[in-house]
Structure formats: C-alpha cells, structure tokens
Amino acid sequence: MRNSKLLNGGTRGHGGYTAASVEVLEGLDPVRRRPGMYTDTQRPNHLAQEVVDNAADEAVAGFADKIEVILHEDGALQVIDNGRGMP
C-alpha cells in the first residue's frame, strides 16, 4: 500500500479494532481509495463537471485563456488549462 501506515505500529487483520488499527493515508491516496467520500457516488461524472466548471470560471474571470478537454479511450477525462488551479 503506497504512502500509508498504521498508527502505533498496528497491523491489519490481527485481532480486534483499536486505535492502532487506524490507517493514515497521505496526499491524494484518500481520494483514490475512497472517492465516494468526496463526491456523490450516484453521479460520478460530477467530478468531471466540477473540473471543467473550474476551468471555465477561471477563463470568465480573466485568469485563463486556454481550456483543453480530452476524453481518453479508457474513459478517463483530462482537463488542461492555464488558470490558477483548483481552489
């Protein structure tokens, strides 16, 4: 498991659940592991809409003049813009 650890040297799958069983995820790992905690799982395309909307908002506000949206063959969506980034 990348960039994760159990507190107090605990291990998973051995005995009961304790504070040592809590796994700390770092960086974007929490979002990658459990995206449903960060978006409406009934509408997973909502994430794509939010990213495109952010790029459009930056352009309308005068902070960007380029937005490129690419839908890859595997279904992944890529948004490239020259705005200030995600708030």
PDB file of N, CA and C in Angstrom:
ATOM      1  N   MET A   1       0.831  -1.159   0.000  1.00  0.00           N
ATOM      2  CA  MET A   1       0.000   0.000   0.000  1.00  0.00           C
ATOM      3  C   MET A   1       0.886   1.236   0.000  1.00  0.00           C
ATOM      4  N   ARG A   2       0.687   2.136  -0.927  1.00  0.00           N
ATOM      5  CA  ARG A   2       1.502   3.321  -1.080  1.00  0.00           C
ATOM      6  C   ARG A   2       1.214   4.384  -0.038  1.00  0.00           C
ATOM      7  N   ASN A   3       2.235   5.017   0.499  1.00  0.00           N
ATOM      8  CA  ASN A   3       2.103   6.164   1.380  1.00  0.00           C
ATOM      9  C   ASN A   3       1.087   5.973   2.501  1.00  0.00           C
ATOM     10  N   SER A   4       1.020   4.810   3.078  1.00  0.00           N
ATOM     11  CA  SER A   4       0.102   4.616   4.196  1.00  0.00           C
ATOM     12  C   SER A   4       0.819   3.892   5.314  1.00  0.00           C
ATOM     13  N   LYS A   5       0.308   4.077   6.513  1.00  0.00           N
ATOM     14  CA  LYS A   5       0.900   3.408   7.661  1.00  0.00           C
ATOM     15  C   LYS A   5      -0.180   3.243   8.715  1.00  0.00           C
ATOM     16  N   LEU A   6       0.035   2.337   9.606  1.00  0.00           N
ATOM     17  CA  LEU A   6      -0.866   2.170  10.733  1.00  0.00           C
ATOM     18  C   LEU A   6      -0.248   2.851  11.937  1.00  0.00           C
ATOM     19  N   LEU A   7      -1.075   3.547  12.704  1.00  0.00           N
ATOM     20  CA  LEU A   7      -0.571   4.243  13.882  1.00  0.00           C
ATOM     21  C   LEU A   7      -0.094   3.260  14.941  1.00  0.00           C
ATOM     22  N   ASN A   8       0.867   3.650  15.713  1.00  0.00           N
ATOM     23  CA  ASN A   8       1.388   2.862  16.844  1.00  0.00           C
ATOM     24  C   ASN A   8       1.859   1.470  16.439  1.00  0.00           C
ATOM     25  N   GLY A   9       2.313   1.311  15.214  1.00  0.00           N
ATOM     26  CA  GLY A   9       2.842   0.022  14.776  1.00  0.00           C
ATOM     27  C   GLY A   9       1.803  -1.066  14.613  1.00  0.00           C
ATOM     28  N   GLY A  10       0.533  -0.717  14.579  1.00  0.00           N
ATOM     29  CA  GLY A  10      -0.533  -1.712  14.443  1.00  0.00           C
ATOM     30  C   GLY A  10      -0.509  -2.400  13.089  1.00  0.00           C
ATOM     31  N   THR A  11      -1.142  -3.540  13.019  1.00  0.00           N
ATOM     32  CA  THR A  11      -1.257  -4.262  11.758  1.00  0.00           C
ATOM     33  C   THR A  11      -2.715  -4.578  11.497  1.00  0.00           C
ATOM     34  N   ARG A  12      -3.061  -4.727  10.225  1.00  0.00           N
ATOM     35  CA  ARG A  12      -4.431  -5.050   9.845  1.00  0.00           C
ATOM     36  C   ARG A  12      -4.662  -6.542   9.905  1.00  0.00           C
ATOM     37  N   GLY A  13      -5.889  -6.933  10.270  1.00  0.00           N
ATOM     38  CA  GLY A  13      -6.282  -8.333  10.196  1.00  0.00           C
ATOM     39  C   GLY A  13      -5.859  -9.192  11.368  1.00  0.00           C
ATOM     40  N   HIS A  14      -5.301  -8.618  12.402  1.00  0.00           N
ATOM     41  CA  HIS A  14      -4.837  -9.395  13.553  1.00  0.00           C
ATOM     42  C   HIS A  14      -5.555  -8.925  14.811  1.00  0.00           C
ATOM     43  N   GLY A  15      -6.555  -9.664  15.246  1.00  0.00           N
ATOM     44  CA  GLY A  15      -7.254  -9.316  16.479  1.00  0.00           C
ATOM     45  C   GLY A  15      -8.331  -8.279  16.256  1.00  0.00           C
ATOM     46  N   GLY A  16      -8.677  -7.546  17.319  1.00  0.00           N
ATOM     47  CA  GLY A  16      -9.756  -6.570  17.284  1.00  0.00           C
ATOM     48  C   GLY A  16      -9.321  -5.226  16.739  1.00  0.00           C
ATOM     49  N   TYR A  17     -10.286  -4.350  16.654  1.00  0.00           N
ATOM     50  CA  TYR A  17     -10.063  -2.995  16.162  1.00  0.00           C
ATOM     51  C   TYR A  17      -9.653  -2.095  17.324  1.00  0.00           C
ATOM     52  N   THR A  18      -8.525  -1.428  17.196  1.00  0.00           N
ATOM     53  CA  THR A  18      -8.040  -0.498  18.216  1.00  0.00           C
ATOM     54  C   THR A  18      -7.561   0.775  17.534  1.00  0.00           C
ATOM     55  N   ALA A  19      -7.136   1.736  18.316  1.00  0.00           N
ATOM     56  CA  ALA A  19      -6.587   2.970  17.753  1.00  0.00           C
ATOM     57  C   ALA A  19      -5.400   2.670  16.847  1.00  0.00           C
ATOM     58  N   ALA A  20      -4.671   1.617  17.147  1.00  0.00           N
ATOM     59  CA  ALA A  20      -3.520   1.242  16.323  1.00  0.00           C
ATOM     60  C   ALA A  20      -3.954   0.729  14.957  1.00  0.00           C
ATOM     61  N   SER A  21      -5.232   0.412  14.808  1.00  0.00           N
ATOM     62  CA  SER A  21      -5.741  -0.095  13.537  1.00  0.00           C
ATOM     63  C   SER A  21      -6.034   1.018  12.537  1.00  0.00           C
ATOM     64  N   VAL A  22      -5.987   2.263  12.974  1.00  0.00           N
ATOM     65  CA  VAL A  22      -6.306   3.393  12.111  1.00  0.00           C
ATOM     66  C   VAL A  22      -5.194   3.581  11.092  1.00  0.00           C
ATOM     67  N   GLU A  23      -5.556   3.559   9.829  1.00  0.00           N
ATOM     68  CA  GLU A  23      -4.589   3.736   8.745  1.00  0.00           C
ATOM     69  C   GLU A  23      -4.566   5.198   8.331  1.00  0.00           C
ATOM     70  N   VAL A  24      -3.394   5.802   8.255  1.00  0.00           N
ATOM     71  CA  VAL A  24      -3.239   7.193   7.862  1.00  0.00           C
ATOM     72  C   VAL A  24      -2.843   7.225   6.391  1.00  0.00           C
ATOM     73  N   LEU A  25      -3.686   7.844   5.568  1.00  0.00           N
ATOM     74  CA  LEU A  25      -3.399   7.983   4.144  1.00  0.00           C
ATOM     75  C   LEU A  25      -2.882   9.386   3.888  1.00  0.00           C
ATOM     76  N   GLU A  26      -1.920   9.515   2.983  1.00  0.00           N
ATOM     77  CA  GLU A  26      -1.287  10.798   2.731  1.00  0.00           C
ATOM     78  C   GLU A  26      -1.510  11.245   1.303  1.00  0.00           C
ATOM     79  N   GLY A  27      -1.387  12.548   1.076  1.00  0.00           N
ATOM     80  CA  GLY A  27      -1.530  13.100  -0.264  1.00  0.00           C
ATOM     81  C   GLY A  27      -2.920  12.850  -0.838  1.00  0.00           C
ATOM     82  N   LEU A  28      -2.974  12.364  -2.077  1.00  0.00           N
ATOM     83  CA  LEU A  28      -4.247  12.080  -2.746  1.00  0.00           C
ATOM     84  C   LEU A  28      -4.728  10.658  -2.524  1.00  0.00           C
ATOM     85  N   ASP A  29      -3.983   9.867  -1.756  1.00  0.00           N
ATOM     86  CA  ASP A  29      -4.384   8.479  -1.525  1.00  0.00           C
ATOM     87  C   ASP A  29      -5.784   8.336  -0.928  1.00  0.00           C
ATOM     88  N   PRO A  30      -6.215   9.220  -0.016  1.00  0.00           N
ATOM     89  CA  PRO A  30      -7.582   9.060   0.497  1.00  0.00           C
ATOM     90  C   PRO A  30      -8.639   9.170  -0.604  1.00  0.00           C
ATOM     91  N   VAL A  31      -8.441  10.090  -1.535  1.00  0.00           N
ATOM     92  CA  VAL A  31      -9.402  10.269  -2.633  1.00  0.00           C
ATOM     93  C   VAL A  31      -9.361   9.074  -3.574  1.00  0.00           C
ATOM     94  N   ARG A  32      -8.160   8.592  -3.859  1.00  0.00           N
ATOM     95  CA  ARG A  32      -8.036   7.436  -4.755  1.00  0.00           C
ATOM     96  C   ARG A  32      -8.663   6.179  -4.148  1.00  0.00           C
ATOM     97  N   ARG A  33      -8.497   5.994  -2.858  1.00  0.00           N
ATOM     98  CA  ARG A  33      -9.005   4.784  -2.199  1.00  0.00           C
ATOM     99  C   ARG A  33     -10.506   4.808  -1.970  1.00  0.00           C
ATOM    100  N   ARG A  34     -11.051   5.992  -1.666  1.00  0.00           N
ATOM    101  CA  ARG A  34     -12.482   6.094  -1.345  1.00  0.00           C
ATOM    102  C   ARG A  34     -13.087   7.344  -1.976  1.00  0.00           C
ATOM    103  N   PRO A  35     -13.195   7.364  -3.312  1.00  0.00           N
ATOM    104  CA  PRO A  35     -13.724   8.559  -3.981  1.00  0.00           C
ATOM    105  C   PRO A  35     -15.150   8.896  -3.567  1.00  0.00           C
ATOM    106  N   GLY A  36     -15.926   7.901  -3.158  1.00  0.00           N
ATOM    107  CA  GLY A  36     -17.303   8.139  -2.749  1.00  0.00           C
ATOM    108  C   GLY A  36     -17.435   9.041  -1.539  1.00  0.00           C
ATOM    109  N   MET A  37     -16.367   9.181  -0.767  1.00  0.00           N
ATOM    110  CA  MET A  37     -16.396  10.076   0.388  1.00  0.00           C
ATOM    111  C   MET A  37     -16.290  11.536  -0.041  1.00  0.00           C
ATOM    112  N   TYR A  38     -15.858  11.769  -1.272  1.00  0.00           N
ATOM    113  CA  TYR A  38     -15.583  13.124  -1.727  1.00  0.00           C
ATOM    114  C   TYR A  38     -16.510  13.584  -2.838  1.00  0.00           C
ATOM    115  N   THR A  39     -17.376  12.719  -3.318  1.00  0.00           N
ATOM    116  CA  THR A  39     -18.299  13.077  -4.387  1.00  0.00           C
ATOM    117  C   THR A  39     -19.566  12.257  -4.265  1.00  0.00           C
ATOM    118  N   ASP A  40     -20.579  12.672  -4.964  1.00  0.00           N
ATOM    119  CA  ASP A  40     -21.850  11.958  -4.998  1.00  0.00           C
ATOM    120  C   ASP A  40     -21.660  10.690  -5.820  1.00  0.00           C
ATOM    121  N   THR A  41     -21.690   9.535  -5.187  1.00  0.00           N
ATOM    122  CA  THR A  41     -21.436   8.283  -5.903  1.00  0.00           C
ATOM    123  C   THR A  41     -22.554   7.939  -6.874  1.00  0.00           C
ATOM    124  N   GLN A  42     -23.714   8.585  -6.739  1.00  0.00           N
ATOM    125  CA  GLN A  42     -24.784   8.367  -7.708  1.00  0.00           C
ATOM    126  C   GLN A  42     -24.485   9.080  -9.025  1.00  0.00           C
ATOM    127  N   ARG A  43     -23.587  10.063  -8.967  1.00  0.00           N
ATOM    128  CA  ARG A  43     -23.226  10.833 -10.155  1.00  0.00           C
ATOM    129  C   ARG A  43     -21.704  10.975 -10.235  1.00  0.00           C
ATOM    130  N   PRO A  44     -20.992   9.906 -10.573  1.00  0.00           N
ATOM    131  CA  PRO A  44     -19.525  10.014 -10.608  1.00  0.00           C
ATOM    132  C   PRO A  44     -19.024  11.017 -11.642  1.00  0.00           C
ATOM    133  N   ASN A  45     -19.823  11.313 -12.669  1.00  0.00           N
ATOM    134  CA  ASN A  45     -19.401  12.308 -13.660  1.00  0.00           C
ATOM    135  C   ASN A  45     -19.391  13.715 -13.078  1.00  0.00           C
ATOM    136  N   HIS A  46     -19.925  13.867 -11.892  1.00  0.00           N
ATOM    137  CA  HIS A  46     -19.939  15.169 -11.232  1.00  0.00           C
ATOM    138  C   HIS A  46     -18.517  15.701 -11.038  1.00  0.00           C
ATOM    139  N   LEU A  47     -17.565  14.827 -10.776  1.00  0.00           N
ATOM    140  CA  LEU A  47     -16.168  15.262 -10.630  1.00  0.00           C
ATOM    141  C   LEU A  47     -15.663  15.917 -11.904  1.00  0.00           C
ATOM    142  N   ALA A  48     -15.963  15.298 -13.049  1.00  0.00           N
ATOM    143  CA  ALA A  48     -15.541  15.864 -14.332  1.00  0.00           C
ATOM    144  C   ALA A  48     -16.183  17.229 -14.538  1.00  0.00           C
ATOM    145  N   GLN A  49     -17.459  17.335 -14.218  1.00  0.00           N
ATOM    146  CA  GLN A  49     -18.172  18.604 -14.360  1.00  0.00           C
ATOM    147  C   GLN A  49     -17.536  19.686 -13.497  1.00  0.00           C
ATOM    148  N   GLU A  50     -17.154  19.351 -12.278  1.00  0.00           N
ATOM    149  CA  GLU A  50     -16.533  20.328 -11.385  1.00  0.00           C
ATOM    150  C   GLU A  50     -15.212  20.840 -11.946  1.00  0.00           C
ATOM    151  N   VAL A  51     -14.405  19.945 -12.509  1.00  0.00           N
ATOM    152  CA  VAL A  51     -13.104  20.351 -13.048  1.00  0.00           C
ATOM    153  C   VAL A  51     -13.289  21.244 -14.268  1.00  0.00           C
ATOM    154  N   VAL A  52     -14.208  20.867 -15.163  1.00  0.00           N
ATOM    155  CA  VAL A  52     -14.477  21.689 -16.347  1.00  0.00           C
ATOM    156  C   VAL A  52     -15.047  23.047 -15.920  1.00  0.00           C
ATOM    157  N   ASP A  53     -15.978  23.048 -14.974  1.00  0.00           N
ATOM    158  CA  ASP A  53     -16.557  24.306 -14.487  1.00  0.00           C
ATOM    159  C   ASP A  53     -15.499  25.213 -13.877  1.00  0.00           C
ATOM    160  N   ASN A  54     -14.550  24.639 -13.134  1.00  0.00           N
ATOM    161  CA  ASN A  54     -13.486  25.445 -12.546  1.00  0.00           C
ATOM    162  C   ASN A  54     -12.646  26.110 -13.637  1.00  0.00           C
ATOM    163  N   ALA A  55     -12.313  25.356 -14.680  1.00  0.00           N
ATOM    164  CA  ALA A  55     -11.533  25.923 -15.786  1.00  0.00           C
ATOM    165  C   ALA A  55     -12.314  27.043 -16.472  1.00  0.00           C
ATOM    166  N   ALA A  56     -13.614  26.834 -16.681  1.00  0.00           N
ATOM    167  CA  ALA A  56     -14.447  27.856 -17.321  1.00  0.00           C
ATOM    168  C   ALA A  56     -14.550  29.107 -16.443  1.00  0.00           C
ATOM    169  N   ASP A  57     -14.711  28.920 -15.143  1.00  0.00           N
ATOM    170  CA  ASP A  57     -14.772  30.064 -14.226  1.00  0.00           C
ATOM    171  C   ASP A  57     -13.494  30.890 -14.290  1.00  0.00           C
ATOM    172  N   GLU A  58     -12.355  30.226 -14.365  1.00  0.00           N
ATOM    173  CA  GLU A  58     -11.074  30.927 -14.464  1.00  0.00           C
ATOM    174  C   GLU A  58     -11.008  31.751 -15.748  1.00  0.00           C
ATOM    175  N   ALA A  59     -11.492  31.188 -16.854  1.00  0.00           N
ATOM    176  CA  ALA A  59     -11.471  31.903 -18.133  1.00  0.00           C
ATOM    177  C   ALA A  59     -12.407  33.115 -18.095  1.00  0.00           C
ATOM    178  N   VAL A  60     -13.609  32.930 -17.576  1.00  0.00           N
ATOM    179  CA  VAL A  60     -14.577  34.030 -17.493  1.00  0.00           C
ATOM    180  C   VAL A  60     -14.043  35.156 -16.609  1.00  0.00           C
ATOM    181  N   ALA A  61     -13.319  34.805 -15.557  1.00  0.00           N
ATOM    182  CA  ALA A  61     -12.760  35.803 -14.640  1.00  0.00           C
ATOM    183  C   ALA A  61     -11.489  36.449 -15.185  1.00  0.00           C
ATOM    184  N   GLY A  62     -11.020  35.999 -16.342  1.00  0.00           N
ATOM    185  CA  GLY A  62      -9.845  36.598 -16.955  1.00  0.00           C
ATOM    186  C   GLY A  62      -8.516  36.025 -16.505  1.00  0.00           C
ATOM    187  N   PHE A  63      -8.542  34.879 -15.814  1.00  0.00           N
ATOM    188  CA  PHE A  63      -7.307  34.277 -15.327  1.00  0.00           C
ATOM    189  C   PHE A  63      -6.815  33.128 -16.193  1.00  0.00           C
ATOM    190  N   ALA A  64      -7.509  32.832 -17.279  1.00  0.00           N
ATOM    191  CA  ALA A  64      -7.097  31.753 -18.191  1.00  0.00           C
ATOM    192  C   ALA A  64      -7.600  32.081 -19.587  1.00  0.00           C
ATOM    193  N   ASP A  65      -6.858  31.626 -20.585  1.00  0.00           N
ATOM    194  CA  ASP A  65      -7.321  31.788 -21.964  1.00  0.00           C
ATOM    195  C   ASP A  65      -7.175  30.494 -22.759  1.00  0.00           C
ATOM    196  N   LYS A  66      -6.951  29.387 -22.053  1.00  0.00           N
ATOM    197  CA  LYS A  66      -6.819  28.089 -22.713  1.00  0.00           C
ATOM    198  C   LYS A  66      -7.494  27.023 -21.852  1.00  0.00           C
ATOM    199  N   ILE A  67      -8.400  26.257 -22.472  1.00  0.00           N
ATOM    200  CA  ILE A  67      -9.013  25.095 -21.824  1.00  0.00           C
ATOM    201  C   ILE A  67      -9.039  23.979 -22.852  1.00  0.00           C
ATOM    202  N   GLU A  68      -8.463  22.852 -22.506  1.00  0.00           N
ATOM    203  CA  GLU A  68      -8.457  21.678 -23.380  1.00  0.00           C
ATOM    204  C   GLU A  68      -9.056  20.511 -22.600  1.00  0.00           C
ATOM    205  N   VAL A  69     -10.067  19.874 -23.180  1.00  0.00           N
ATOM    206  CA  VAL A  69     -10.719  18.730 -22.549  1.00  0.00           C
ATOM    207  C   VAL A  69     -10.491  17.521 -23.444  1.00  0.00           C
ATOM    208  N   ILE A  70      -9.912  16.465 -22.884  1.00  0.00           N
ATOM    209  CA  ILE A  70      -9.595  15.250 -23.644  1.00  0.00           C
ATOM    210  C   ILE A  70     -10.309  14.073 -22.998  1.00  0.00           C
ATOM    211  N   LEU A  71     -11.079  13.348 -23.793  1.00  0.00           N
ATOM    212  CA  LEU A  71     -11.699  12.111 -23.332  1.00  0.00           C
ATOM    213  C   LEU A  71     -10.870  10.965 -23.896  1.00  0.00           C
ATOM    214  N   HIS A  72     -10.192  10.241 -23.037  1.00  0.00           N
ATOM    215  CA  HIS A  72      -9.314   9.155 -23.453  1.00  0.00           C
ATOM    216  C   HIS A  72     -10.115   7.891 -23.759  1.00  0.00           C
ATOM    217  N   GLU A  73      -9.517   6.988 -24.530  1.00  0.00           N
ATOM    218  CA  GLU A  73     -10.190   5.747 -24.925  1.00  0.00           C
ATOM    219  C   GLU A  73     -10.624   4.911 -23.731  1.00  0.00           C
ATOM    220  N   ASP A  74      -9.893   4.988 -22.621  1.00  0.00           N
ATOM    221  CA  ASP A  74     -10.246   4.189 -21.439  1.00  0.00           C
ATOM    222  C   ASP A  74     -11.339   4.845 -20.593  1.00  0.00           C
ATOM    223  N   GLY A  75     -11.869   5.977 -21.062  1.00  0.00           N
ATOM    224  CA  GLY A  75     -12.939   6.663 -20.348  1.00  0.00           C
ATOM    225  C   GLY A  75     -12.460   7.757 -19.416  1.00  0.00           C
ATOM    226  N   ALA A  76     -11.151   7.893 -19.252  1.00  0.00           N
ATOM    227  CA  ALA A  76     -10.611   8.947 -18.390  1.00  0.00           C
ATOM    228  C   ALA A  76     -10.785  10.304 -19.062  1.00  0.00           C
ATOM    229  N   LEU A  77     -11.031  11.313 -18.262  1.00  0.00           N
ATOM    230  CA  LEU A  77     -11.182  12.672 -18.756  1.00  0.00           C
ATOM    231  C   LEU A  77     -10.005  13.493 -18.260  1.00  0.00           C
ATOM    232  N   GLN A  78      -9.405  14.257 -19.150  1.00  0.00           N
ATOM    233  CA  GLN A  78      -8.275  15.112 -18.790  1.00  0.00           C
ATOM    234  C   GLN A  78      -8.636  16.550 -19.135  1.00  0.00           C
ATOM    235  N   VAL A  79      -8.429  17.461 -18.197  1.00  0.00           N
ATOM    236  CA  VAL A  79      -8.678  18.878 -18.426  1.00  0.00           C
ATOM    237  C   VAL A  79      -7.357  19.613 -18.238  1.00  0.00           C
ATOM    238  N   ILE A  80      -6.971  20.361 -19.263  1.00  0.00           N
ATOM    239  CA  ILE A  80      -5.732  21.136 -19.230  1.00  0.00           C
ATOM    240  C   ILE A  80      -6.121  22.596 -19.419  1.00  0.00           C
ATOM    241  N   ASP A  81      -5.714  23.445 -18.490  1.00  0.00           N
ATOM    242  CA  ASP A  81      -5.967  24.871 -18.648  1.00  0.00           C
ATOM    243  C   ASP A  81      -4.795  25.645 -18.068  1.00  0.00           C
ATOM    244  N   ASN A  82      -4.785  26.936 -18.319  1.00  0.00           N
ATOM    245  CA  ASN A  82      -3.702  27.758 -17.777  1.00  0.00           C
ATOM    246  C   ASN A  82      -4.223  28.723 -16.716  1.00  0.00           C
ATOM    247  N   GLY A  83      -5.233  28.274 -15.987  1.00  0.00           N
ATOM    248  CA  GLY A  83      -5.778  29.061 -14.882  1.00  0.00           C
ATOM    249  C   GLY A  83      -4.932  28.913 -13.628  1.00  0.00           C
ATOM    250  N   ARG A  84      -5.463  29.400 -12.522  1.00  0.00           N
ATOM    251  CA  ARG A  84      -4.722  29.422 -11.259  1.00  0.00           C
ATOM    252  C   ARG A  84      -4.733  28.095 -10.518  1.00  0.00           C
ATOM    253  N   GLY A  85      -5.513  27.132 -10.968  1.00  0.00           N
ATOM    254  CA  GLY A  85      -5.575  25.834 -10.293  1.00  0.00           C
ATOM    255  C   GLY A  85      -6.865  25.681  -9.518  1.00  0.00           C
ATOM    256  N   MET A  86      -7.022  24.511  -8.922  1.00  0.00           N
ATOM    257  CA  MET A  86      -8.240  24.225  -8.160  1.00  0.00           C
ATOM    258  C   MET A  86      -8.219  25.003  -6.847  1.00  0.00           C
ATOM    259  N   PRO A  87      -9.378  25.552  -6.457  1.00  0.00           N
ATOM    260  CA  PRO A  87      -9.424  26.309  -5.196  1.00  0.00           C
ATOM    261  C   PRO A  87      -9.268  25.396  -3.997  1.00  0.00           C
TER     262      PRO A  87
END
